Structures are given as C-alpha cells and as structure tokens.
Amino acid sequence: MAGYCHGTGWSTDWPGSACAGRFNILRTSGYDFCRNVEWMVCAAGGHAGVGNGDIIFTYKPSALDIGLLNDHDGYHENDLYYLEVCALNELCGNYEEIFRAEVGETFRCRVDAERWAAAAEDLRAFG
C-alpha cells in the first residue's frame, strides 16, 4: 500500500496520512485469515467505515504466481493476498472483473450471497 500511495503522490506516513485517510487499509498484523475475510466482506459491502465498497488492487490479481506461494516453508504475510483474492473470487458475482483489474483501478464487488454460501459449504466439506 505504501508503494501505491507513493506512486500516486500521496503521503506514505500512514496510518495518519492522506492516503490512509482516503481508504480503508487491510492490515494483517494481529489478524488471521478469518478476521481478514470478515473485514473484506464488510469493506466490499461498503460497511468498513471509510469509502463506498470500492477496492483498489495494489498488485494485479492476474499476476499472482502460485509457484511463488509454494516455494517456501510456512506462510508469510504476503501469502494472505492470494487467499484474499480467492475469497473475493467467491464473494463477488462479478468475480471475472477481479482478474481484469489493473493496479490502481477501482473494483466494486457485487456481493453474491448464494455464491458465498456455496463456497462456505465447500469449505465445510473439507473439514
């Protein structure tokens, strides 16, 4: 996010910066994946405090390389991005647009409750 903010000319001294003031920024420190998904559902629906539900990707989802996810032991903070994109893919009825989004473009999720419920059921089936 700091790189995105810097590239747009906004201050990167967040959380108090103009950049942070304009956006909800998903933080991962002290979070787990379940907490991140909870936050993403609220943000995608426009209920996270700031903004209207617009999502701006600071890394192009179509550029994700699953090989990079698998080339190290354990999990790293950046690994959550893969899972977040997958969760949005299941939450949004307009999921195809996620993978057409360019860095800095606005994406607005059209929450699809049936799609999300089906994904939850699939996860429960895995145990």
Foldseek 3Di string as FASTA:
>chain_A
DLVLCVVVVWDSPPPVTPVVVQDPDDDPVVHDLVVSLVLLVCLLCQNNPHDRNKDADQDQPLPDDVVVVPPDPDDDPVNSVVVVLVLLCQQAPVNVVSNVDDGGDIDRGPGDVVSNVVVVVVVVVVD
